[in-house]
Amino acid sequence: MLTILARRVAPEFDDIPLPEYATNGSAGADIRAALSHDVLIPPSSIATIPTGIALEIPPGYEIQVRSRSGLAARYGIFCLNSPGTIDSDFRGEVQVILANFGKEPFIVRRGDRIAQLVVARYEHVQWQESSHLSCTERGQSGFGSTGIQ
């Protein structure tokens, strides 16, 4: 099992749990808001929410920040730039950009589960220019080319 080190950025948030999986089958670990006061996100607005932790991600890995489905379905709250990427060389506090696409104001409170983190491997590749690419059945057909059914 991979270990990722987490450093708390301020002692007043030591009570906020580190990211944790809700179930054994969860791909994403829930991350929580580290707030000293509630944050109101009006409809059609954006807020950046601190989490109180910085991470040491091993080289060759990234952490993807994703919306929580319950917040999206119930309240219209989404992570912008989702999935966002936390790079392995970033050592600052993880913050989550939340957007309210709902019709009501949304309040984020201390300790609320606001997003989920998914750890993923990646590789650096060598990009090589070519005047020819192999043919496929799809070819250059783009957005919506495969239909909805």
C-alpha atoms as a PDB file:
ATOM      1  CA  MET A   1       0.000   0.000   0.000  1.00  0.00           C
ATOM      2  CA  LEU A   2       1.282   3.474  -0.915  1.00  0.00           C
ATOM      3  CA  THR A   3       1.900   5.925   1.945  1.00  0.00           C
ATOM      4  CA  ILE A   4       1.425   9.672   1.482  1.00  0.00           C
ATOM      5  CA  LEU A   5       2.716  12.002   4.173  1.00  0.00           C
ATOM      6  CA  ALA A   6       0.370  14.752   5.366  1.00  0.00           C
ATOM      7  CA  ARG A   7       1.521  17.823   7.301  1.00  0.00           C
ATOM      8  CA  ARG A   8      -0.958  19.941   9.224  1.00  0.00           C
ATOM      9  CA  VAL A   9      -0.416  23.599   8.352  1.00  0.00           C
ATOM     10  CA  ALA A  10      -1.820  25.111  11.564  1.00  0.00           C
ATOM     11  CA  PRO A  11      -2.353  23.619  15.041  1.00  0.00           C
ATOM     12  CA  GLU A  12      -5.872  25.048  15.370  1.00  0.00           C
ATOM     13  CA  PHE A  13      -7.017  22.503  12.767  1.00  0.00           C
ATOM     14  CA  ASP A  14      -5.437  19.421  14.350  1.00  0.00           C
ATOM     15  CA  ASP A  15      -8.951  18.114  15.120  1.00  0.00           C
ATOM     16  CA  ILE A  16      -9.867  17.952  11.411  1.00  0.00           C
ATOM     17  CA  PRO A  17      -9.407  14.332  10.242  1.00  0.00           C
ATOM     18  CA  LEU A  18      -6.886  13.561   7.518  1.00  0.00           C
ATOM     19  CA  PRO A  19      -8.390  12.391   4.206  1.00  0.00           C
ATOM     20  CA  GLU A  20     -10.220   9.122   4.754  1.00  0.00           C
ATOM     21  CA  TYR A  21     -12.124   6.548   2.729  1.00  0.00           C
ATOM     22  CA  ALA A  22     -15.826   6.241   3.584  1.00  0.00           C
ATOM     23  CA  THR A  23     -15.969   2.552   2.610  1.00  0.00           C
ATOM     24  CA  ASN A  24     -13.527  -0.218   1.702  1.00  0.00           C
ATOM     25  CA  GLY A  25     -14.514   0.143  -1.962  1.00  0.00           C
ATOM     26  CA  SER A  26     -14.155   3.934  -2.158  1.00  0.00           C
ATOM     27  CA  ALA A  27     -11.693   5.145  -4.811  1.00  0.00           C
ATOM     28  CA  GLY A  28     -11.728   8.672  -3.402  1.00  0.00           C
ATOM     29  CA  ALA A  29     -10.769   9.744   0.109  1.00  0.00           C
ATOM     30  CA  ASP A  30     -12.935  12.509   1.558  1.00  0.00           C
ATOM     31  CA  ILE A  31     -11.125  15.720   2.444  1.00  0.00           C
ATOM     32  CA  ARG A  32     -12.566  18.237   4.894  1.00  0.00           C
ATOM     33  CA  ALA A  33     -12.844  21.992   5.305  1.00  0.00           C
ATOM     34  CA  ALA A  34     -10.416  23.541   7.792  1.00  0.00           C
ATOM     35  CA  LEU A  35     -12.303  26.712   8.671  1.00  0.00           C
ATOM     36  CA  SER A  36     -12.349  28.990  11.691  1.00  0.00           C
ATOM     37  CA  HIS A  37     -15.741  30.374  10.584  1.00  0.00           C
ATOM     38  CA  ASP A  38     -18.492  29.295   8.195  1.00  0.00           C
ATOM     39  CA  VAL A  39     -18.168  30.233   4.523  1.00  0.00           C
ATOM     40  CA  LEU A  40     -21.311  31.144   2.582  1.00  0.00           C
ATOM     41  CA  ILE A  41     -21.260  30.416  -1.150  1.00  0.00           C
ATOM     42  CA  PRO A  42     -24.130  32.257  -2.871  1.00  0.00           C
ATOM     43  CA  PRO A  43     -25.657  30.790  -6.058  1.00  0.00           C
ATOM     44  CA  SER A  44     -23.422  31.345  -9.116  1.00  0.00           C
ATOM     45  CA  SER A  45     -20.437  32.031  -6.866  1.00  0.00           C
ATOM     46  CA  ILE A  46     -17.065  30.446  -6.160  1.00  0.00           C
ATOM     47  CA  ALA A  47     -15.099  30.002  -2.929  1.00  0.00           C
ATOM     48  CA  THR A  48     -11.679  28.552  -2.221  1.00  0.00           C
ATOM     49  CA  ILE A  49     -11.823  26.382   0.889  1.00  0.00           C
ATOM     50  CA  PRO A  50      -8.679  25.481   2.856  1.00  0.00           C
ATOM     51  CA  THR A  51      -8.155  21.928   4.102  1.00  0.00           C
ATOM     52  CA  GLY A  52      -5.431  22.503   6.684  1.00  0.00           C
ATOM     53  CA  ILE A  53      -3.041  19.949   5.187  1.00  0.00           C
ATOM     54  CA  ALA A  54      -0.090  19.817   2.818  1.00  0.00           C
ATOM     55  CA  LEU A  55       0.897  16.540   1.174  1.00  0.00           C
ATOM     56  CA  GLU A  56       4.098  14.818   0.095  1.00  0.00           C
ATOM     57  CA  ILE A  57       3.096  12.925  -3.013  1.00  0.00           C
ATOM     58  CA  PRO A  58       5.689  10.466  -4.356  1.00  0.00           C
ATOM     59  CA  PRO A  59       7.172  11.137  -7.827  1.00  0.00           C
ATOM     60  CA  GLY A  60       5.177   9.406 -10.545  1.00  0.00           C
ATOM     61  CA  TYR A  61       1.872  10.084  -8.750  1.00  0.00           C
ATOM     62  CA  GLU A  62      -0.663  12.879  -8.702  1.00  0.00           C
ATOM     63  CA  ILE A  63      -3.726  13.407  -6.565  1.00  0.00           C
ATOM     64  CA  GLN A  64      -6.924  14.319  -8.379  1.00  0.00           C
ATOM     65  CA  VAL A  65      -9.427  16.566  -6.571  1.00  0.00           C
ATOM     66  CA  ARG A  66     -12.998  15.646  -7.484  1.00  0.00           C
ATOM     67  CA  SER A  67     -16.521  16.686  -6.566  1.00  0.00           C
ATOM     68  CA  ARG A  68     -18.500  14.686  -4.037  1.00  0.00           C
ATOM     69  CA  SER A  69     -21.583  13.279  -5.728  1.00  0.00           C
ATOM     70  CA  GLY A  70     -23.901  14.019  -2.785  1.00  0.00           C
ATOM     71  CA  LEU A  71     -22.985  17.717  -2.749  1.00  0.00           C
ATOM     72  CA  ALA A  72     -23.446  17.898  -6.514  1.00  0.00           C
ATOM     73  CA  ALA A  73     -26.792  16.081  -6.599  1.00  0.00           C
ATOM     74  CA  ARG A  74     -28.372  17.667  -3.506  1.00  0.00           C
ATOM     75  CA  TYR A  75     -26.997  21.203  -3.541  1.00  0.00           C
ATOM     76  CA  GLY A  76     -25.392  21.874  -6.941  1.00  0.00           C
ATOM     77  CA  ILE A  77     -21.932  22.191  -5.350  1.00  0.00           C
ATOM     78  CA  PHE A  78     -19.055  21.198  -7.632  1.00  0.00           C
ATOM     79  CA  CYS A  79     -15.275  21.367  -7.557  1.00  0.00           C
ATOM     80  CA  LEU A  80     -14.110  23.634 -10.326  1.00  0.00           C
ATOM     81  CA  ASN A  81     -11.235  22.462 -12.483  1.00  0.00           C
ATOM     82  CA  SER A  82     -12.376  18.953 -11.672  1.00  0.00           C
ATOM     83  CA  PRO A  83     -10.517  16.789 -11.631  1.00  0.00           C
ATOM     84  CA  GLY A  84      -7.913  19.213 -10.396  1.00  0.00           C
ATOM     85  CA  THR A  85      -4.368  17.922 -10.075  1.00  0.00           C
ATOM     86  CA  ILE A  86      -2.100  18.174  -7.067  1.00  0.00           C
ATOM     87  CA  ASP A  87       1.411  17.636  -8.458  1.00  0.00           C
ATOM     88  CA  SER A  88       4.049  15.589  -6.658  1.00  0.00           C
ATOM     89  CA  ASP A  89       6.317  18.622  -6.202  1.00  0.00           C
ATOM     90  CA  PHE A  90       3.638  20.833  -4.565  1.00  0.00           C
ATOM     91  CA  ARG A  91       4.106  21.232  -0.813  1.00  0.00           C
ATOM     92  CA  GLY A  92       1.594  23.979  -0.037  1.00  0.00           C
ATOM     93  CA  GLU A  93      -1.784  23.713   1.648  1.00  0.00           C
ATOM     94  CA  VAL A  94      -4.377  21.828  -0.371  1.00  0.00           C
ATOM     95  CA  GLN A  95      -7.311  24.100  -1.128  1.00  0.00           C
ATOM     96  CA  VAL A  96     -10.525  23.181  -2.901  1.00  0.00           C
ATOM     97  CA  ILE A  97     -12.297  25.481  -5.360  1.00  0.00           C
ATOM     98  CA  LEU A  98     -16.050  25.048  -4.833  1.00  0.00           C
ATOM     99  CA  ALA A  99     -18.708  26.510  -7.112  1.00  0.00           C
ATOM    100  CA  ASN A 100     -22.393  26.801  -6.284  1.00  0.00           C
ATOM    101  CA  PHE A 101     -24.468  25.938  -9.355  1.00  0.00           C
ATOM    102  CA  GLY A 102     -27.532  25.479  -7.145  1.00  0.00           C
ATOM    103  CA  LYS A 103     -30.407  27.892  -6.551  1.00  0.00           C
ATOM    104  CA  GLU A 104     -29.807  28.375  -2.820  1.00  0.00           C
ATOM    105  CA  PRO A 105     -26.850  29.710  -0.839  1.00  0.00           C
ATOM    106  CA  PHE A 106     -24.633  26.939   0.518  1.00  0.00           C
ATOM    107  CA  ILE A 107     -22.770  27.095   3.828  1.00  0.00           C
ATOM    108  CA  VAL A 108     -19.459  25.271   4.296  1.00  0.00           C
ATOM    109  CA  ARG A 109     -18.730  24.532   7.948  1.00  0.00           C
ATOM    110  CA  ARG A 110     -15.602  23.448   9.793  1.00  0.00           C
ATOM    111  CA  GLY A 111     -14.982  19.741   9.213  1.00  0.00           C
ATOM    112  CA  ASP A 112     -17.446  19.348   6.317  1.00  0.00           C
ATOM    113  CA  ARG A 113     -16.428  16.786   3.699  1.00  0.00           C
ATOM    114  CA  ILE A 114     -16.017  19.038   0.658  1.00  0.00           C
ATOM    115  CA  ALA A 115     -14.246  16.956  -2.003  1.00  0.00           C
ATOM    116  CA  GLN A 116     -12.604  13.630  -2.638  1.00  0.00           C
ATOM    117  CA  LEU A 117      -9.007  12.835  -3.488  1.00  0.00           C
ATOM    118  CA  VAL A 118      -8.040  10.080  -5.925  1.00  0.00           C
ATOM    119  CA  VAL A 119      -4.389   9.029  -6.139  1.00  0.00           C
ATOM    120  CA  ALA A 120      -3.242   8.172  -9.675  1.00  0.00           C
ATOM    121  CA  ARG A 121       0.025   7.128 -11.343  1.00  0.00           C
ATOM    122  CA  TYR A 122       1.264   9.067 -14.323  1.00  0.00           C
ATOM    123  CA  GLU A 123       4.154   8.926 -16.740  1.00  0.00           C
ATOM    124  CA  HIS A 124       6.122  11.599 -18.496  1.00  0.00           C
ATOM    125  CA  VAL A 125       6.267  10.892 -22.211  1.00  0.00           C
ATOM    126  CA  GLN A 126       8.383  12.074 -25.087  1.00  0.00           C
ATOM    127  CA  TRP A 127       6.336  14.134 -27.535  1.00  0.00           C
ATOM    128  CA  GLN A 128       7.346  13.561 -31.126  1.00  0.00           C
ATOM    129  CA  GLU A 129       6.021  15.491 -34.080  1.00  0.00           C
ATOM    130  CA  SER A 130       4.706  13.414 -36.969  1.00  0.00           C
ATOM    131  CA  SER A 131       3.135  14.222 -40.311  1.00  0.00           C
ATOM    132  CA  HIS A 132       1.039  11.018 -40.168  1.00  0.00           C
ATOM    133  CA  LEU A 133      -1.059   9.296 -37.502  1.00  0.00           C
ATOM    134  CA  SER A 134      -2.472   5.778 -37.772  1.00  0.00           C
ATOM    135  CA  CYS A 135      -6.044   5.420 -39.030  1.00  0.00           C
ATOM    136  CA  THR A 136      -8.929   4.330 -36.796  1.00  0.00           C
ATOM    137  CA  GLU A 137     -12.612   3.659 -37.375  1.00  0.00           C
ATOM    138  CA  ARG A 138     -13.509   6.878 -35.559  1.00  0.00           C
ATOM    139  CA  GLY A 139     -10.938   8.999 -37.350  1.00  0.00           C
ATOM    140  CA  GLN A 140     -11.356  12.741 -36.732  1.00  0.00           C
ATOM    141  CA  SER A 141     -14.974  12.536 -35.534  1.00  0.00           C
ATOM    142  CA  GLY A 142     -15.081  14.547 -32.313  1.00  0.00           C
ATOM    143  CA  PHE A 143     -17.597  15.767 -29.763  1.00  0.00           C
ATOM    144  CA  GLY A 144     -20.789  13.700 -29.751  1.00  0.00           C
ATOM    145  CA  SER A 145     -19.699  11.526 -32.644  1.00  0.00           C
ATOM    146  CA  THR A 146     -20.688   8.295 -30.908  1.00  0.00           C
ATOM    147  CA  GLY A 147     -24.208   9.489 -29.984  1.00  0.00           C
ATOM    148  CA  ILE A 148     -25.999   9.166 -26.641  1.00  0.00           C
ATOM    149  CA  GLN A 149     -27.510   5.684 -26.889  1.00  0.00           C
END
